[in-house]
Amino acid sequence: MWFEPSTNAEVLATGYNSGKAFDDIAVGRHANWLYWGFYASPKDMTPAGERFFLNAICYIAKFDGESPGGS
């Protein structure tokens, strides 16, 4: 797994598709960056996907000011 969870990084969701390994992340957080591994127009999201996206943004907001570089 290229994304190692730590105190400043965490996996929020894993997933599998034809181009990724089973343990690759679908959604992750590194400091104040949100890694959203999906590609689609927001209008194509399901209601559950919309809620998850909004919750992920609200969750990482508490990490405002943290740097992915560790400084």
N, C-alpha and C. Protein backbone atom coordinates (compact mmCIF):
# COMPACT_ATOMS: atom_id res chain seq x y z
N MET A 1 0.86 -1.17 0.00
CA MET A 1 0.00 0.00 0.00
C MET A 1 0.90 1.23 0.00
N TRP A 2 0.69 2.14 -0.93
CA TRP A 2 1.52 3.33 -1.02
C TRP A 2 1.16 4.36 0.03
N PHE A 3 0.02 4.27 0.58
CA PHE A 3 -0.49 5.27 1.52
C PHE A 3 -0.47 4.66 2.91
N GLU A 4 0.54 4.99 3.68
CA GLU A 4 0.68 4.41 5.01
C GLU A 4 -0.04 5.28 6.04
N PRO A 5 -1.02 4.75 6.74
CA PRO A 5 -1.69 5.52 7.78
C PRO A 5 -0.71 5.95 8.87
N SER A 6 -0.87 7.15 9.36
CA SER A 6 -0.03 7.68 10.43
C SER A 6 -0.87 8.69 11.20
N THR A 7 -0.24 9.41 12.10
CA THR A 7 -0.98 10.42 12.85
C THR A 7 -1.42 11.56 11.96
N ASN A 8 -0.78 11.72 10.80
CA ASN A 8 -1.12 12.81 9.90
C ASN A 8 -1.72 12.32 8.58
N ALA A 9 -2.00 11.02 8.49
CA ALA A 9 -2.58 10.47 7.27
C ALA A 9 -3.44 9.26 7.63
N GLU A 10 -4.54 9.10 6.92
CA GLU A 10 -5.40 7.95 7.21
C GLU A 10 -6.23 7.57 5.99
N VAL A 11 -6.54 6.30 5.92
CA VAL A 11 -7.43 5.78 4.88
C VAL A 11 -8.86 5.94 5.37
N LEU A 12 -9.70 6.54 4.56
CA LEU A 12 -11.12 6.69 4.91
C LEU A 12 -11.98 5.63 4.23
N ALA A 13 -11.54 5.14 3.07
CA ALA A 13 -12.26 4.07 2.37
C ALA A 13 -11.31 3.37 1.41
N THR A 14 -11.41 2.06 1.33
CA THR A 14 -10.64 1.30 0.34
C THR A 14 -11.59 0.85 -0.75
N GLY A 15 -11.02 0.31 -1.79
CA GLY A 15 -11.88 -0.16 -2.86
C GLY A 15 -11.09 -0.94 -3.88
N TYR A 16 -11.78 -1.53 -4.80
CA TYR A 16 -11.15 -2.31 -5.85
C TYR A 16 -11.83 -2.00 -7.17
N ASN A 17 -11.00 -1.82 -8.19
CA ASN A 17 -11.52 -1.77 -9.56
C ASN A 17 -10.46 -2.38 -10.46
N SER A 18 -10.71 -2.45 -11.72
CA SER A 18 -9.82 -3.17 -12.62
C SER A 18 -8.43 -2.55 -12.72
N GLY A 19 -8.29 -1.28 -12.35
CA GLY A 19 -6.99 -0.63 -12.46
C GLY A 19 -6.24 -0.51 -11.15
N LYS A 20 -6.78 -1.04 -10.08
CA LYS A 20 -6.16 -0.88 -8.77
C LYS A 20 -6.11 -2.20 -8.03
N ALA A 21 -5.21 -2.26 -7.06
CA ALA A 21 -5.13 -3.43 -6.20
C ALA A 21 -6.22 -3.34 -5.13
N PHE A 22 -6.51 -4.45 -4.49
CA PHE A 22 -7.59 -4.49 -3.51
C PHE A 22 -7.34 -3.55 -2.34
N ASP A 23 -6.07 -3.39 -1.92
CA ASP A 23 -5.80 -2.56 -0.75
C ASP A 23 -5.48 -1.10 -1.09
N ASP A 24 -5.66 -0.68 -2.32
CA ASP A 24 -5.47 0.73 -2.67
C ASP A 24 -6.58 1.56 -2.04
N ILE A 25 -6.27 2.81 -1.78
CA ILE A 25 -7.28 3.66 -1.15
C ILE A 25 -8.23 4.23 -2.20
N ALA A 26 -9.45 4.41 -1.81
CA ALA A 26 -10.43 5.12 -2.64
C ALA A 26 -10.55 6.56 -2.14
N VAL A 27 -10.50 6.72 -0.83
CA VAL A 27 -10.57 8.05 -0.21
C VAL A 27 -9.61 8.06 0.97
N GLY A 28 -8.80 9.09 1.04
CA GLY A 28 -7.86 9.20 2.15
C GLY A 28 -7.61 10.64 2.52
N ARG A 29 -6.97 10.81 3.67
CA ARG A 29 -6.63 12.15 4.15
C ARG A 29 -5.15 12.17 4.47
N HIS A 30 -4.46 13.19 4.01
CA HIS A 30 -3.07 13.42 4.37
C HIS A 30 -2.96 14.88 4.77
N ALA A 31 -2.83 15.10 6.08
CA ALA A 31 -2.86 16.45 6.66
C ALA A 31 -4.19 17.10 6.26
N ASN A 32 -4.13 18.21 5.57
CA ASN A 32 -5.38 18.89 5.20
C ASN A 32 -5.76 18.62 3.74
N TRP A 33 -5.21 17.59 3.14
CA TRP A 33 -5.55 17.23 1.77
C TRP A 33 -6.50 16.04 1.78
N LEU A 34 -7.53 16.11 0.96
CA LEU A 34 -8.45 14.99 0.78
C LEU A 34 -8.13 14.34 -0.55
N TYR A 35 -7.84 13.05 -0.53
CA TYR A 35 -7.63 12.28 -1.75
C TYR A 35 -8.94 11.60 -2.09
N TRP A 36 -9.58 12.03 -3.16
CA TRP A 36 -10.86 11.49 -3.57
C TRP A 36 -10.61 10.70 -4.84
N GLY A 37 -10.60 9.38 -4.76
CA GLY A 37 -10.20 8.53 -5.86
C GLY A 37 -11.29 8.18 -6.85
N PHE A 38 -12.29 9.02 -6.95
CA PHE A 38 -13.39 8.75 -7.87
C PHE A 38 -13.44 9.85 -8.93
N TYR A 39 -13.89 9.50 -10.09
CA TYR A 39 -14.02 10.48 -11.15
C TYR A 39 -15.44 10.41 -11.69
N ALA A 40 -16.16 11.44 -11.47
CA ALA A 40 -17.52 11.56 -12.01
C ALA A 40 -18.00 12.97 -11.72
N SER A 41 -18.93 13.39 -12.47
CA SER A 41 -19.56 14.68 -12.22
C SER A 41 -20.38 14.58 -10.93
N PRO A 42 -20.38 15.60 -10.09
CA PRO A 42 -21.19 15.55 -8.88
C PRO A 42 -22.66 15.22 -9.15
N LYS A 43 -23.17 15.62 -10.30
CA LYS A 43 -24.57 15.31 -10.61
C LYS A 43 -24.81 13.81 -10.81
N ASP A 44 -23.72 13.05 -10.99
CA ASP A 44 -23.85 11.61 -11.15
C ASP A 44 -23.67 10.84 -9.84
N MET A 45 -23.41 11.55 -8.73
CA MET A 45 -23.24 10.87 -7.44
C MET A 45 -24.58 10.40 -6.90
N THR A 46 -24.53 9.28 -6.21
CA THR A 46 -25.73 8.81 -5.51
C THR A 46 -25.93 9.68 -4.27
N PRO A 47 -27.10 9.67 -3.66
CA PRO A 47 -27.28 10.42 -2.42
C PRO A 47 -26.28 10.00 -1.33
N ALA A 48 -25.98 8.71 -1.24
CA ALA A 48 -24.99 8.25 -0.25
C ALA A 48 -23.60 8.79 -0.59
N GLY A 49 -23.25 8.81 -1.87
CA GLY A 49 -21.96 9.36 -2.29
C GLY A 49 -21.85 10.84 -1.99
N GLU A 50 -22.93 11.58 -2.22
CA GLU A 50 -22.94 13.01 -1.89
C GLU A 50 -22.72 13.23 -0.40
N ARG A 51 -23.41 12.46 0.43
CA ARG A 51 -23.25 12.60 1.89
C ARG A 51 -21.83 12.25 2.33
N PHE A 52 -21.29 11.17 1.75
CA PHE A 52 -19.93 10.78 2.11
C PHE A 52 -18.93 11.86 1.72
N PHE A 53 -19.07 12.42 0.55
CA PHE A 53 -18.18 13.48 0.09
C PHE A 53 -18.26 14.70 1.02
N LEU A 54 -19.45 15.13 1.34
CA LEU A 54 -19.62 16.28 2.23
C LEU A 54 -19.09 15.99 3.63
N ASN A 55 -19.34 14.79 4.14
CA ASN A 55 -18.81 14.41 5.45
C ASN A 55 -17.29 14.38 5.45
N ALA A 56 -16.69 13.90 4.36
CA ALA A 56 -15.23 13.86 4.27
C ALA A 56 -14.65 15.27 4.30
N ILE A 57 -15.27 16.19 3.59
CA ILE A 57 -14.81 17.58 3.59
C ILE A 57 -14.94 18.18 4.99
N CYS A 58 -16.07 17.97 5.63
CA CYS A 58 -16.27 18.48 6.98
C CYS A 58 -15.25 17.87 7.94
N TYR A 59 -14.96 16.60 7.79
CA TYR A 59 -14.01 15.92 8.66
C TYR A 59 -12.61 16.50 8.53
N ILE A 60 -12.12 16.70 7.30
CA ILE A 60 -10.75 17.19 7.14
C ILE A 60 -10.62 18.66 7.49
N ALA A 61 -11.71 19.38 7.62
CA ALA A 61 -11.64 20.80 7.96
C ALA A 61 -10.93 21.02 9.29
N LYS A 62 -11.02 20.05 10.20
CA LYS A 62 -10.37 20.22 11.50
C LYS A 62 -8.84 20.11 11.39
N PHE A 63 -8.33 19.71 10.23
CA PHE A 63 -6.89 19.61 10.01
C PHE A 63 -6.37 20.83 9.26
N ASP A 64 -7.14 21.89 9.19
CA ASP A 64 -6.75 23.11 8.50
C ASP A 64 -5.42 23.62 9.06
N GLY A 65 -4.53 23.96 8.16
CA GLY A 65 -3.23 24.47 8.57
C GLY A 65 -2.15 23.42 8.65
N GLU A 66 -2.51 22.13 8.64
CA GLU A 66 -1.50 21.07 8.66
C GLU A 66 -0.94 20.87 7.27
N SER A 67 0.31 20.55 7.18
CA SER A 67 0.98 20.38 5.90
C SER A 67 1.24 18.91 5.61
N PRO A 68 0.94 18.45 4.40
CA PRO A 68 1.25 17.06 4.04
C PRO A 68 2.74 16.77 4.07
N GLY A 69 3.55 17.80 3.94
CA GLY A 69 5.00 17.62 3.98
C GLY A 69 5.54 17.44 5.39
N GLY A 70 4.70 17.57 6.39
CA GLY A 70 5.12 17.37 7.76
C GLY A 70 5.70 18.60 8.44
N SER A 71 5.73 19.73 7.73
CA SER A 71 6.29 20.93 8.36
C SER A 71 5.22 21.82 8.92
